[in-house]
Amino acid sequence: MRGERLPLGFVFRSRAKEEKAPVADKAPLTDSKQPRDPQAPKGRPTPKRSEAQIQRRSVANTPLTRKEAAKRQRDERRAQLERQRRALAGGDERYLPARDKGPVRKFARDFVDSRFNVAEFFLPMAVVILVLSMIRVAELQSIALLLWLVVIVLIVLDSIVTGFRLKKRLAERFPDQNRRGAVAYALMRSLQMRRLRLPKPQVKRGERP
């Protein structure tokens, strides 16, 4: 009947159920045991490629034990030496030792490799002179001593001329760069036979660097 009053508990209970129903409908159903579709979205932004590489490097650079850390250092050292060996053979500036890096040192090497140097024949001549000096013949020993003096004088004169010309060329080519030690570096290289020089020569004889 129209005049009957509904109990207050019934009214409030019905209204509370109606308000909670939409909220319950909107709540997603999740089941932790249900396997996740690999094609489904992750629910979080995918990390960038650079961030993923940094994470992998951080994991790789965190050794678990001291033995693993020592082994990793040995492997890195071996790889670095291998890169330097290839760089010395091919002239790759990225992996050359510190004493061989830079345009000044490269020009000094090319300057020496592009010409004949008396000092590079020192070892073969030294072997010949040594053999002559060991023969117990006074004339041959005198010739060996004379050859020693001639070779030393020629090497000194050639080194002075080479150092003077190289120093002038370096000042013209690299006026604003550090040229300290480049001349001595080139003269030490001139003492080695061409085929034994490291880094390997990159220019031919007579070719202007």
N, C-alpha and C. Protein backbone atom coordinates (compact mmCIF):
# COMPACT_ATOMS: atom_id res chain seq x y z
N MET A 1 0.83 -1.19 0.00
CA MET A 1 0.00 0.00 0.00
C MET A 1 0.87 1.24 0.00
N ARG A 2 0.24 2.37 -0.50
CA ARG A 2 0.99 3.61 -0.62
C ARG A 2 1.35 4.15 0.72
N GLY A 3 0.59 3.92 1.70
CA GLY A 3 0.84 4.52 3.01
C GLY A 3 1.82 3.74 3.84
N GLU A 4 2.23 2.54 3.41
CA GLU A 4 3.16 1.76 4.20
C GLU A 4 4.56 2.33 4.10
N ARG A 5 5.27 2.26 5.20
CA ARG A 5 6.64 2.75 5.23
C ARG A 5 7.62 1.57 5.17
N LEU A 6 8.65 1.76 4.36
CA LEU A 6 9.68 0.72 4.24
C LEU A 6 10.66 0.86 5.39
N PRO A 7 11.17 -0.24 5.88
CA PRO A 7 12.18 -0.15 6.95
C PRO A 7 13.41 0.60 6.47
N LEU A 8 14.00 1.38 7.42
CA LEU A 8 15.19 2.17 7.07
C LEU A 8 16.36 1.27 6.67
N GLY A 9 16.50 0.14 7.32
CA GLY A 9 17.61 -0.76 6.98
C GLY A 9 17.53 -1.26 5.57
N PHE A 10 16.32 -1.51 5.09
CA PHE A 10 16.15 -1.99 3.73
C PHE A 10 16.53 -0.92 2.72
N VAL A 11 16.17 0.34 3.00
CA VAL A 11 16.47 1.43 2.06
C VAL A 11 17.96 1.64 1.95
N PHE A 12 18.66 1.75 3.08
CA PHE A 12 20.10 2.01 3.04
C PHE A 12 20.86 0.84 2.47
N ARG A 13 20.41 -0.38 2.75
CA ARG A 13 21.11 -1.55 2.24
C ARG A 13 20.99 -1.66 0.73
N SER A 14 19.80 -1.36 0.21
CA SER A 14 19.60 -1.41 -1.24
C SER A 14 20.43 -0.36 -1.95
N ARG A 15 20.47 0.86 -1.35
CA ARG A 15 21.22 1.93 -1.99
C ARG A 15 22.72 1.63 -1.97
N ALA A 16 23.21 1.04 -0.88
CA ALA A 16 24.64 0.71 -0.81
C ALA A 16 25.01 -0.35 -1.84
N LYS A 17 24.12 -1.33 -2.03
CA LYS A 17 24.39 -2.35 -3.04
C LYS A 17 24.43 -1.77 -4.44
N GLU A 18 23.55 -0.80 -4.72
CA GLU A 18 23.52 -0.21 -6.05
C GLU A 18 24.77 0.60 -6.33
N GLU A 19 25.35 1.25 -5.25
CA GLU A 19 26.55 2.04 -5.46
C GLU A 19 27.78 1.15 -5.64
N LYS A 20 27.80 0.02 -4.95
CA LYS A 20 28.97 -0.84 -5.05
C LYS A 20 28.96 -1.69 -6.31
N ALA A 21 27.80 -1.91 -6.89
CA ALA A 21 27.70 -2.79 -8.05
C ALA A 21 28.51 -2.29 -9.24
N PRO A 22 28.38 -0.97 -9.63
CA PRO A 22 29.19 -0.53 -10.78
C PRO A 22 30.68 -0.64 -10.52
N VAL A 23 31.07 -0.37 -9.26
CA VAL A 23 32.50 -0.46 -8.95
C VAL A 23 33.00 -1.88 -9.11
N ALA A 24 32.19 -2.82 -8.67
CA ALA A 24 32.57 -4.22 -8.82
C ALA A 24 32.62 -4.66 -10.26
N ASP A 25 31.70 -4.07 -11.10
CA ASP A 25 31.71 -4.42 -12.51
C ASP A 25 32.95 -3.91 -13.21
N LYS A 26 33.45 -2.73 -12.74
CA LYS A 26 34.59 -2.12 -13.42
C LYS A 26 35.91 -2.75 -12.99
N ALA A 27 35.92 -3.41 -11.86
CA ALA A 27 37.18 -3.98 -11.37
C ALA A 27 37.60 -5.13 -12.28
N PRO A 28 38.85 -5.13 -12.78
CA PRO A 28 39.30 -6.22 -13.66
C PRO A 28 39.52 -7.49 -12.88
N LEU A 29 39.23 -8.59 -13.52
CA LEU A 29 39.43 -9.89 -12.93
C LEU A 29 40.84 -10.36 -13.26
N THR A 30 41.63 -10.64 -12.25
CA THR A 30 43.01 -11.09 -12.45
C THR A 30 43.17 -12.44 -11.80
N ASP A 31 43.89 -13.27 -12.44
CA ASP A 31 44.18 -14.59 -11.92
C ASP A 31 45.67 -14.83 -12.09
N SER A 32 46.38 -14.85 -10.94
CA SER A 32 47.84 -14.99 -10.97
C SER A 32 48.26 -16.32 -11.56
N LYS A 33 47.38 -17.34 -11.49
CA LYS A 33 47.74 -18.65 -12.01
C LYS A 33 47.55 -18.76 -13.51
N GLN A 34 46.80 -17.84 -14.10
CA GLN A 34 46.52 -17.91 -15.52
C GLN A 34 47.76 -17.47 -16.30
N PRO A 35 48.24 -18.25 -17.29
CA PRO A 35 49.46 -17.86 -18.04
C PRO A 35 49.19 -16.61 -18.87
N ARG A 36 50.25 -15.78 -18.96
CA ARG A 36 50.13 -14.52 -19.67
C ARG A 36 50.45 -14.71 -21.15
N ASP A 37 49.61 -14.10 -21.99
CA ASP A 37 49.81 -14.17 -23.42
C ASP A 37 51.08 -13.40 -23.78
N PRO A 38 52.05 -14.03 -24.48
CA PRO A 38 53.28 -13.30 -24.82
C PRO A 38 53.05 -12.13 -25.73
N GLN A 39 51.92 -12.12 -26.49
CA GLN A 39 51.63 -11.00 -27.36
C GLN A 39 50.91 -9.88 -26.65
N ALA A 40 50.48 -10.10 -25.41
CA ALA A 40 49.74 -9.07 -24.69
C ALA A 40 50.68 -7.97 -24.24
N PRO A 41 50.15 -6.74 -24.06
CA PRO A 41 51.01 -5.64 -23.60
C PRO A 41 51.54 -5.92 -22.21
N LYS A 42 52.73 -5.35 -21.91
CA LYS A 42 53.41 -5.61 -20.65
C LYS A 42 52.82 -4.82 -19.49
N GLY A 43 52.12 -3.76 -19.77
CA GLY A 43 51.61 -2.92 -18.70
C GLY A 43 52.63 -1.90 -18.23
N ARG A 44 53.81 -1.83 -18.91
CA ARG A 44 54.83 -0.86 -18.58
C ARG A 44 55.58 -0.51 -19.86
N PRO A 45 56.19 0.66 -19.93
CA PRO A 45 56.87 1.04 -21.18
C PRO A 45 58.09 0.16 -21.44
N THR A 46 58.28 -0.19 -22.70
CA THR A 46 59.43 -1.00 -23.08
C THR A 46 60.70 -0.17 -22.97
N PRO A 47 61.74 -0.68 -22.29
CA PRO A 47 62.96 0.12 -22.14
C PRO A 47 63.63 0.35 -23.49
N LYS A 48 64.30 1.50 -23.60
CA LYS A 48 65.00 1.81 -24.83
C LYS A 48 66.17 0.86 -25.04
N ARG A 49 66.67 0.83 -26.28
CA ARG A 49 67.77 -0.08 -26.59
C ARG A 49 69.02 0.29 -25.81
N SER A 50 69.29 1.60 -25.70
CA SER A 50 70.47 2.03 -24.94
C SER A 50 70.36 1.68 -23.48
N GLU A 51 69.14 1.82 -22.91
CA GLU A 51 68.97 1.47 -21.50
C GLU A 51 69.14 -0.03 -21.29
N ALA A 52 68.66 -0.82 -22.24
CA ALA A 52 68.82 -2.27 -22.11
C ALA A 52 70.29 -2.66 -22.19
N GLN A 53 71.05 -2.00 -23.08
CA GLN A 53 72.48 -2.30 -23.17
C GLN A 53 73.19 -1.92 -21.89
N ILE A 54 72.82 -0.79 -21.31
CA ILE A 54 73.45 -0.37 -20.05
C ILE A 54 73.15 -1.37 -18.95
N GLN A 55 71.90 -1.86 -18.91
CA GLN A 55 71.55 -2.86 -17.91
C GLN A 55 72.34 -4.15 -18.10
N ARG A 56 72.50 -4.57 -19.36
CA ARG A 56 73.26 -5.79 -19.61
C ARG A 56 74.72 -5.61 -19.24
N ARG A 57 75.28 -4.42 -19.52
CA ARG A 57 76.67 -4.17 -19.17
C ARG A 57 76.86 -4.13 -17.67
N SER A 58 75.88 -3.54 -16.95
CA SER A 58 76.00 -3.49 -15.50
C SER A 58 75.96 -4.89 -14.90
N VAL A 59 75.14 -5.74 -15.49
CA VAL A 59 75.09 -7.12 -15.01
C VAL A 59 76.38 -7.86 -15.35
N ALA A 60 76.88 -7.60 -16.57
CA ALA A 60 78.11 -8.28 -17.00
C ALA A 60 79.32 -7.81 -16.21
N ASN A 61 79.31 -6.55 -15.78
CA ASN A 61 80.45 -6.00 -15.05
C ASN A 61 80.36 -6.25 -13.55
N THR A 62 79.41 -7.05 -13.10
CA THR A 62 79.27 -7.34 -11.69
C THR A 62 79.62 -8.81 -11.47
N PRO A 63 80.88 -9.11 -11.20
CA PRO A 63 81.27 -10.51 -11.03
C PRO A 63 80.71 -11.08 -9.75
N LEU A 64 80.44 -12.36 -9.80
CA LEU A 64 79.90 -13.02 -8.62
C LEU A 64 80.99 -13.38 -7.63
N THR A 65 82.14 -13.78 -8.11
CA THR A 65 83.22 -14.19 -7.24
C THR A 65 84.51 -13.53 -7.68
N ARG A 66 85.52 -13.61 -6.80
CA ARG A 66 86.83 -13.04 -7.13
C ARG A 66 87.48 -13.80 -8.28
N LYS A 67 87.23 -15.09 -8.36
CA LYS A 67 87.80 -15.89 -9.45
C LYS A 67 87.24 -15.46 -10.79
N GLU A 68 85.94 -15.21 -10.84
CA GLU A 68 85.33 -14.74 -12.08
C GLU A 68 85.84 -13.36 -12.47
N ALA A 69 86.04 -12.49 -11.47
CA ALA A 69 86.56 -11.16 -11.75
C ALA A 69 87.97 -11.24 -12.34
N ALA A 70 88.82 -12.11 -11.79
CA ALA A 70 90.17 -12.27 -12.31
C ALA A 70 90.15 -12.83 -13.73
N LYS A 71 89.27 -13.79 -13.97
CA LYS A 71 89.16 -14.38 -15.31
C LYS A 71 88.68 -13.34 -16.31
N ARG A 72 87.72 -12.50 -15.89
CA ARG A 72 87.21 -11.47 -16.80
C ARG A 72 88.29 -10.44 -17.12
N GLN A 73 89.11 -10.09 -16.13
CA GLN A 73 90.20 -9.16 -16.39
C GLN A 73 91.22 -9.75 -17.35
N ARG A 74 91.51 -11.03 -17.20
CA ARG A 74 92.44 -11.68 -18.13
C ARG A 74 91.88 -11.70 -19.54
N ASP A 75 90.60 -11.98 -19.67
CA ASP A 75 89.99 -12.00 -21.00
C ASP A 75 90.00 -10.62 -21.63
N GLU A 76 89.68 -9.59 -20.84
CA GLU A 76 89.69 -8.23 -21.38
C GLU A 76 91.10 -7.81 -21.78
N ARG A 77 92.08 -8.18 -20.95
CA ARG A 77 93.47 -7.85 -21.29
C ARG A 77 93.91 -8.56 -22.56
N ARG A 78 93.52 -9.83 -22.71
CA ARG A 78 93.87 -10.59 -23.90
C ARG A 78 93.22 -9.98 -25.14
N ALA A 79 91.96 -9.56 -25.00
CA ALA A 79 91.27 -8.94 -26.14
C ALA A 79 91.91 -7.60 -26.50
N GLN A 80 92.31 -6.84 -25.49
CA GLN A 80 92.96 -5.56 -25.75
C GLN A 80 94.30 -5.74 -26.46
N LEU A 81 95.08 -6.73 -26.04
CA LEU A 81 96.35 -7.01 -26.71
C LEU A 81 96.14 -7.47 -28.14
N GLU A 82 95.09 -8.24 -28.36
CA GLU A 82 94.80 -8.68 -29.73
C GLU A 82 94.41 -7.50 -30.62
N ARG A 83 93.63 -6.56 -30.07
CA ARG A 83 93.28 -5.37 -30.85
C ARG A 83 94.52 -4.53 -31.15
N GLN A 84 95.41 -4.40 -30.18
CA GLN A 84 96.64 -3.66 -30.42
C GLN A 84 97.52 -4.34 -31.46
N ARG A 85 97.56 -5.67 -31.42
CA ARG A 85 98.37 -6.39 -32.41
C ARG A 85 97.85 -6.15 -33.82
N ARG A 86 96.53 -6.21 -33.96
CA ARG A 86 95.95 -5.96 -35.28
C ARG A 86 96.15 -4.51 -35.70
N ALA A 87 96.06 -3.59 -34.74
CA ALA A 87 96.26 -2.18 -35.06
C ALA A 87 97.71 -1.91 -35.47
N LEU A 88 98.66 -2.55 -34.82
CA LEU A 88 100.06 -2.38 -35.19
C LEU A 88 100.33 -2.93 -36.59
N ALA A 89 99.61 -3.97 -36.97
CA ALA A 89 99.79 -4.54 -38.30
C ALA A 89 99.06 -3.75 -39.37
N GLY A 90 97.91 -3.17 -39.02
CA GLY A 90 97.11 -2.46 -40.01
C GLY A 90 97.11 -0.96 -39.89
N GLY A 91 97.61 -0.42 -38.77
CA GLY A 91 97.67 1.03 -38.61
C GLY A 91 96.38 1.65 -38.13
N ASP A 92 95.51 0.88 -37.51
CA ASP A 92 94.25 1.42 -36.99
C ASP A 92 94.54 2.31 -35.77
N GLU A 93 94.24 3.61 -35.89
CA GLU A 93 94.58 4.57 -34.84
C GLU A 93 93.80 4.34 -33.56
N ARG A 94 92.65 3.69 -33.63
CA ARG A 94 91.81 3.56 -32.45
C ARG A 94 92.44 2.68 -31.38
N TYR A 95 93.19 1.67 -31.78
CA TYR A 95 93.70 0.68 -30.84
C TYR A 95 95.22 0.68 -30.73
N LEU A 96 95.87 1.69 -31.27
CA LEU A 96 97.33 1.77 -31.15
C LEU A 96 97.72 2.10 -29.71
N PRO A 97 98.91 1.68 -29.29
CA PRO A 97 99.39 2.12 -27.97
C PRO A 97 99.50 3.63 -27.89
N ALA A 98 99.56 4.15 -26.68
CA ALA A 98 99.55 5.61 -26.49
C ALA A 98 100.75 6.27 -27.16
N ARG A 99 101.91 5.61 -27.17
CA ARG A 99 103.11 6.23 -27.74
C ARG A 99 103.02 6.35 -29.26
N ASP A 100 102.13 5.59 -29.91
CA ASP A 100 102.01 5.61 -31.37
C ASP A 100 100.80 6.39 -31.87
N LYS A 101 99.98 6.91 -30.96
CA LYS A 101 98.75 7.57 -31.37
C LYS A 101 99.00 9.03 -31.76
N GLY A 102 98.10 9.54 -32.59
CA GLY A 102 98.12 10.95 -32.92
C GLY A 102 98.67 11.22 -34.31
N PRO A 103 98.24 12.32 -34.92
CA PRO A 103 98.72 12.66 -36.27
C PRO A 103 100.20 13.00 -36.31
N VAL A 104 100.74 13.55 -35.21
CA VAL A 104 102.16 13.91 -35.20
C VAL A 104 103.02 12.66 -35.28
N ARG A 105 102.70 11.65 -34.47
CA ARG A 105 103.47 10.41 -34.50
C ARG A 105 103.29 9.68 -35.83
N LYS A 106 102.11 9.73 -36.38
CA LYS A 106 101.89 9.08 -37.69
C LYS A 106 102.74 9.75 -38.77
N PHE A 107 102.79 11.08 -38.76
CA PHE A 107 103.61 11.77 -39.75
C PHE A 107 105.09 11.44 -39.55
N ALA A 108 105.53 11.34 -38.30
CA ALA A 108 106.93 10.98 -38.04
C ALA A 108 107.24 9.59 -38.57
N ARG A 109 106.32 8.66 -38.39
CA ARG A 109 106.53 7.31 -38.93
C ARG A 109 106.59 7.33 -40.45
N ASP A 110 105.66 8.03 -41.07
CA ASP A 110 105.64 8.08 -42.53
C ASP A 110 106.88 8.77 -43.09
N PHE A 111 107.37 9.77 -42.38
CA PHE A 111 108.57 10.48 -42.84
C PHE A 111 109.77 9.54 -42.85
N VAL A 112 109.91 8.73 -41.82
CA VAL A 112 111.03 7.80 -41.75
C VAL A 112 110.85 6.67 -42.75
N ASP A 113 109.64 6.16 -42.89
CA ASP A 113 109.40 5.01 -43.77
C ASP A 113 109.50 5.38 -45.24
N SER A 114 109.41 6.65 -45.57
CA SER A 114 109.42 7.06 -46.98
C SER A 114 110.84 7.24 -47.53
N ARG A 115 111.86 7.05 -46.72
CA ARG A 115 113.23 7.27 -47.18
C ARG A 115 114.14 6.15 -46.69
N PHE A 116 115.31 6.08 -47.30
CA PHE A 116 116.34 5.15 -46.85
C PHE A 116 117.09 5.77 -45.68
N ASN A 117 117.33 4.96 -44.67
CA ASN A 117 118.06 5.41 -43.50
C ASN A 117 119.27 4.50 -43.28
N VAL A 118 120.41 5.12 -43.04
CA VAL A 118 121.62 4.33 -42.82
C VAL A 118 121.46 3.45 -41.57
N ALA A 119 120.76 3.98 -40.59
CA ALA A 119 120.64 3.25 -39.32
C ALA A 119 119.88 1.94 -39.46
N GLU A 120 119.01 1.84 -40.45
CA GLU A 120 118.23 0.60 -40.58
C GLU A 120 119.08 -0.56 -41.06
N PHE A 121 120.27 -0.28 -41.61
CA PHE A 121 121.18 -1.34 -42.03
C PHE A 121 122.24 -1.63 -40.97
N PHE A 122 122.03 -1.08 -39.78
CA PHE A 122 123.04 -1.26 -38.74
C PHE A 122 123.18 -2.72 -38.34
N LEU A 123 122.07 -3.43 -38.14
CA LEU A 123 122.15 -4.82 -37.69
C LEU A 123 122.86 -5.72 -38.71
N PRO A 124 122.51 -5.67 -40.00
CA PRO A 124 123.25 -6.52 -40.95
C PRO A 124 124.74 -6.18 -41.00
N MET A 125 125.05 -4.88 -40.98
CA MET A 125 126.46 -4.50 -41.03
C MET A 125 127.18 -4.89 -39.75
N ALA A 126 126.46 -4.84 -38.62
CA ALA A 126 127.08 -5.23 -37.35
C ALA A 126 127.43 -6.71 -37.36
N VAL A 127 126.59 -7.53 -37.96
CA VAL A 127 126.88 -8.97 -38.04
C VAL A 127 128.13 -9.21 -38.89
N VAL A 128 128.23 -8.51 -40.03
CA VAL A 128 129.41 -8.67 -40.89
C VAL A 128 130.67 -8.22 -40.17
N ILE A 129 130.59 -7.09 -39.50
CA ILE A 129 131.77 -6.58 -38.80
C ILE A 129 132.17 -7.51 -37.67
N LEU A 130 131.18 -8.07 -36.98
CA LEU A 130 131.48 -8.99 -35.88
C LEU A 130 132.18 -10.25 -36.40
N VAL A 131 131.72 -10.75 -37.52
CA VAL A 131 132.35 -11.95 -38.10
C VAL A 131 133.80 -11.64 -38.50
N LEU A 132 134.04 -10.49 -39.11
CA LEU A 132 135.40 -10.11 -39.50
C LEU A 132 136.31 -9.94 -38.29
N SER A 133 135.76 -9.38 -37.23
CA SER A 133 136.58 -9.16 -36.04
C SER A 133 136.95 -10.45 -35.33
N MET A 134 136.20 -11.51 -35.54
CA MET A 134 136.48 -12.79 -34.89
C MET A 134 137.54 -13.60 -35.63
N ILE A 135 137.80 -13.26 -36.86
CA ILE A 135 138.84 -13.96 -37.62
C ILE A 135 140.21 -13.47 -37.14
N ARG A 136 141.07 -14.40 -36.83
CA ARG A 136 142.38 -14.05 -36.28
C ARG A 136 143.36 -13.68 -37.40
N VAL A 137 142.97 -12.64 -38.11
CA VAL A 137 143.84 -12.07 -39.15
C VAL A 137 143.92 -10.57 -38.89
N ALA A 138 145.12 -10.08 -38.75
CA ALA A 138 145.31 -8.67 -38.35
C ALA A 138 144.68 -7.72 -39.35
N GLU A 139 144.82 -8.02 -40.65
CA GLU A 139 144.26 -7.12 -41.66
C GLU A 139 142.73 -7.07 -41.57
N LEU A 140 142.12 -8.23 -41.41
CA LEU A 140 140.65 -8.27 -41.34
C LEU A 140 140.13 -7.58 -40.07
N GLN A 141 140.84 -7.73 -38.98
CA GLN A 141 140.43 -7.07 -37.75
C GLN A 141 140.57 -5.56 -37.86
N SER A 142 141.59 -5.12 -38.58
CA SER A 142 141.75 -3.67 -38.82
C SER A 142 140.63 -3.14 -39.69
N ILE A 143 140.24 -3.94 -40.72
CA ILE A 143 139.13 -3.53 -41.59
C ILE A 143 137.82 -3.48 -40.79
N ALA A 144 137.64 -4.45 -39.91
CA ALA A 144 136.42 -4.47 -39.09
C ALA A 144 136.35 -3.24 -38.19
N LEU A 145 137.47 -2.86 -37.58
CA LEU A 145 137.48 -1.67 -36.73
C LEU A 145 137.19 -0.41 -37.55
N LEU A 146 137.76 -0.34 -38.74
CA LEU A 146 137.51 0.82 -39.60
C LEU A 146 136.04 0.89 -40.01
N LEU A 147 135.47 -0.28 -40.32
CA LEU A 147 134.05 -0.31 -40.69
C LEU A 147 133.17 0.16 -39.53
N TRP A 148 133.54 -0.24 -38.31
CA TRP A 148 132.78 0.23 -37.15
C TRP A 148 132.75 1.75 -37.10
N LEU A 149 133.88 2.36 -37.28
CA LEU A 149 133.96 3.82 -37.21
C LEU A 149 133.16 4.47 -38.33
N VAL A 150 133.26 3.89 -39.55
CA VAL A 150 132.53 4.46 -40.69
C VAL A 150 131.03 4.35 -40.47
N VAL A 151 130.57 3.18 -40.01
CA VAL A 151 129.13 2.98 -39.78
C VAL A 151 128.61 3.93 -38.72
N ILE A 152 129.34 4.08 -37.63
CA ILE A 152 128.88 4.97 -36.56
C ILE A 152 128.81 6.41 -37.03
N VAL A 153 129.81 6.84 -37.77
CA VAL A 153 129.81 8.23 -38.27
C VAL A 153 128.64 8.45 -39.24
N LEU A 154 128.41 7.48 -40.14
CA LEU A 154 127.32 7.62 -41.11
C LEU A 154 125.96 7.66 -40.40
N ILE A 155 125.80 6.82 -39.38
CA ILE A 155 124.52 6.80 -38.65
C ILE A 155 124.29 8.13 -37.93
N VAL A 156 125.34 8.65 -37.31
CA VAL A 156 125.20 9.91 -36.59
C VAL A 156 124.85 11.04 -37.55
N LEU A 157 125.56 11.12 -38.66
CA LEU A 157 125.29 12.19 -39.63
C LEU A 157 123.88 12.06 -40.22
N ASP A 158 123.51 10.84 -40.59
CA ASP A 158 122.18 10.64 -41.16
C ASP A 158 121.09 10.95 -40.15
N SER A 159 121.30 10.62 -38.90
CA SER A 159 120.31 10.91 -37.86
C SER A 159 120.17 12.41 -37.65
N ILE A 160 121.28 13.13 -37.69
CA ILE A 160 121.22 14.59 -37.51
C ILE A 160 120.43 15.23 -38.65
N VAL A 161 120.72 14.80 -39.88
CA VAL A 161 120.00 15.36 -41.04
C VAL A 161 118.51 14.99 -40.98
N THR A 162 118.21 13.75 -40.66
CA THR A 162 116.81 13.31 -40.57
C THR A 162 116.07 14.07 -39.48
N GLY A 163 116.68 14.21 -38.32
CA GLY A 163 116.04 14.93 -37.23
C GLY A 163 115.81 16.40 -37.56
N PHE A 164 116.76 17.03 -38.21
CA PHE A 164 116.60 18.44 -38.58
C PHE A 164 115.46 18.63 -39.58
N ARG A 165 115.42 17.78 -40.61
CA ARG A 165 114.36 17.90 -41.62
C ARG A 165 112.99 17.58 -41.03
N LEU A 166 112.93 16.54 -40.22
CA LEU A 166 111.64 16.17 -39.62
C LEU A 166 111.13 17.26 -38.69
N LYS A 167 112.00 17.83 -37.90
CA LYS A 167 111.59 18.90 -36.99
C LYS A 167 111.03 20.09 -37.76
N LYS A 168 111.64 20.41 -38.88
CA LYS A 168 111.15 21.51 -39.71
C LYS A 168 109.78 21.19 -40.31
N ARG A 169 109.63 19.96 -40.82
CA ARG A 169 108.35 19.57 -41.41
C ARG A 169 107.25 19.52 -40.37
N LEU A 170 107.56 19.05 -39.20
CA LEU A 170 106.55 19.01 -38.14
C LEU A 170 106.10 20.40 -37.73
N ALA A 171 107.03 21.34 -37.66
CA ALA A 171 106.68 22.71 -37.31
C ALA A 171 105.78 23.34 -38.37
N GLU A 172 106.00 22.97 -39.63
CA GLU A 172 105.16 23.50 -40.70
C GLU A 172 103.78 22.83 -40.72
N ARG A 173 103.75 21.55 -40.50
CA ARG A 173 102.50 20.79 -40.62
C ARG A 173 101.64 20.89 -39.35
N PHE A 174 102.25 20.90 -38.20
CA PHE A 174 101.51 20.90 -36.93
C PHE A 174 102.01 22.02 -36.02
N PRO A 175 101.77 23.27 -36.39
CA PRO A 175 102.30 24.38 -35.57
C PRO A 175 101.65 24.50 -34.20
N ASP A 176 100.41 24.06 -34.06
CA ASP A 176 99.67 24.26 -32.81
C ASP A 176 99.53 22.98 -31.99
N GLN A 177 100.19 21.91 -32.38
CA GLN A 177 100.07 20.64 -31.66
C GLN A 177 101.36 20.31 -30.92
N ASN A 178 101.21 19.43 -29.95
CA ASN A 178 102.36 19.02 -29.15
C ASN A 178 103.27 18.11 -29.97
N ARG A 179 104.49 18.54 -30.21
CA ARG A 179 105.44 17.76 -31.02
C ARG A 179 106.57 17.19 -30.18
N ARG A 180 106.42 17.24 -28.89
CA ARG A 180 107.49 16.80 -27.99
C ARG A 180 107.72 15.29 -28.13
N GLY A 181 108.98 14.92 -28.33
CA GLY A 181 109.35 13.51 -28.43
C GLY A 181 109.15 12.89 -29.79
N ALA A 182 108.59 13.64 -30.74
CA ALA A 182 108.31 13.05 -32.05
C ALA A 182 109.60 12.76 -32.83
N VAL A 183 110.60 13.64 -32.72
CA VAL A 183 111.85 13.43 -33.45
C VAL A 183 112.59 12.22 -32.90
N ALA A 184 112.68 12.13 -31.58
CA ALA A 184 113.34 10.96 -30.97
C ALA A 184 112.59 9.67 -31.31
N TYR A 185 111.26 9.76 -31.35
CA TYR A 185 110.44 8.60 -31.72
C TYR A 185 110.77 8.15 -33.14
N ALA A 186 110.93 9.10 -34.05
CA ALA A 186 111.25 8.76 -35.44
C ALA A 186 112.66 8.20 -35.57
N LEU A 187 113.62 8.75 -34.84
CA LEU A 187 115.00 8.26 -34.93
C LEU A 187 115.11 6.84 -34.38
N MET A 188 114.39 6.54 -33.32
CA MET A 188 114.39 5.17 -32.81
C MET A 188 113.77 4.21 -33.82
N ARG A 189 112.79 4.68 -34.54
CA ARG A 189 112.17 3.83 -35.58
C ARG A 189 113.15 3.61 -36.74
N SER A 190 113.97 4.60 -37.03
CA SER A 190 114.92 4.46 -38.14
C SER A 190 116.00 3.42 -37.85
N LEU A 191 116.21 3.09 -36.59
CA LEU A 191 117.19 2.07 -36.24
C LEU A 191 116.70 0.66 -36.54
N GLN A 192 115.41 0.50 -36.76
CA GLN A 192 114.85 -0.82 -37.02
C GLN A 192 114.79 -1.08 -38.52
N MET A 193 114.94 -2.35 -38.88
CA MET A 193 114.78 -2.71 -40.28
C MET A 193 113.33 -2.48 -40.70
N ARG A 194 113.13 -2.11 -41.92
CA ARG A 194 111.80 -1.69 -42.38
C ARG A 194 110.75 -2.79 -42.17
N ARG A 195 111.09 -4.03 -42.45
CA ARG A 195 110.11 -5.11 -42.33
C ARG A 195 109.79 -5.46 -40.89
N LEU A 196 110.61 -5.01 -39.95
CA LEU A 196 110.39 -5.31 -38.54
C LEU A 196 109.73 -4.16 -37.78
N ARG A 197 109.43 -3.07 -38.43
CA ARG A 197 108.89 -1.90 -37.75
C ARG A 197 107.42 -2.10 -37.40
N LEU A 198 107.07 -1.62 -36.24
CA LEU A 198 105.69 -1.61 -35.76
C LEU A 198 105.36 -0.22 -35.22
N PRO A 199 104.20 0.32 -35.63
CA PRO A 199 103.25 -0.16 -36.63
C PRO A 199 103.88 -0.32 -38.02
N LYS A 200 103.28 -1.19 -38.80
CA LYS A 200 103.81 -1.47 -40.12
C LYS A 200 103.83 -0.20 -40.99
N PRO A 201 104.86 -0.06 -41.84
CA PRO A 201 104.91 1.11 -42.72
C PRO A 201 103.67 1.21 -43.61
N GLN A 202 103.15 2.41 -43.74
CA GLN A 202 101.95 2.66 -44.54
C GLN A 202 102.26 3.41 -45.83
N VAL A 203 103.53 3.79 -46.04
CA VAL A 203 103.93 4.50 -47.25
C VAL A 203 105.08 3.76 -47.89
N LYS A 204 105.26 3.97 -49.18
CA LYS A 204 106.37 3.36 -49.89
C LYS A 204 107.58 4.28 -49.85
N ARG A 205 108.72 3.71 -50.16
CA ARG A 205 109.94 4.53 -50.22
C ARG A 205 109.82 5.53 -51.35
N GLY A 206 110.23 6.74 -51.08
CA GLY A 206 110.15 7.80 -52.07
C GLY A 206 108.80 8.50 -52.11
N GLU A 207 107.80 7.98 -51.42
CA GLU A 207 106.49 8.61 -51.38
C GLU A 207 106.47 9.72 -50.34
N ARG A 208 106.04 10.90 -50.73
CA ARG A 208 106.05 12.04 -49.83
C ARG A 208 104.89 11.94 -48.84
N PRO A 209 105.16 11.98 -47.54
CA PRO A 209 104.09 11.86 -46.56
C PRO A 209 103.25 13.13 -46.47
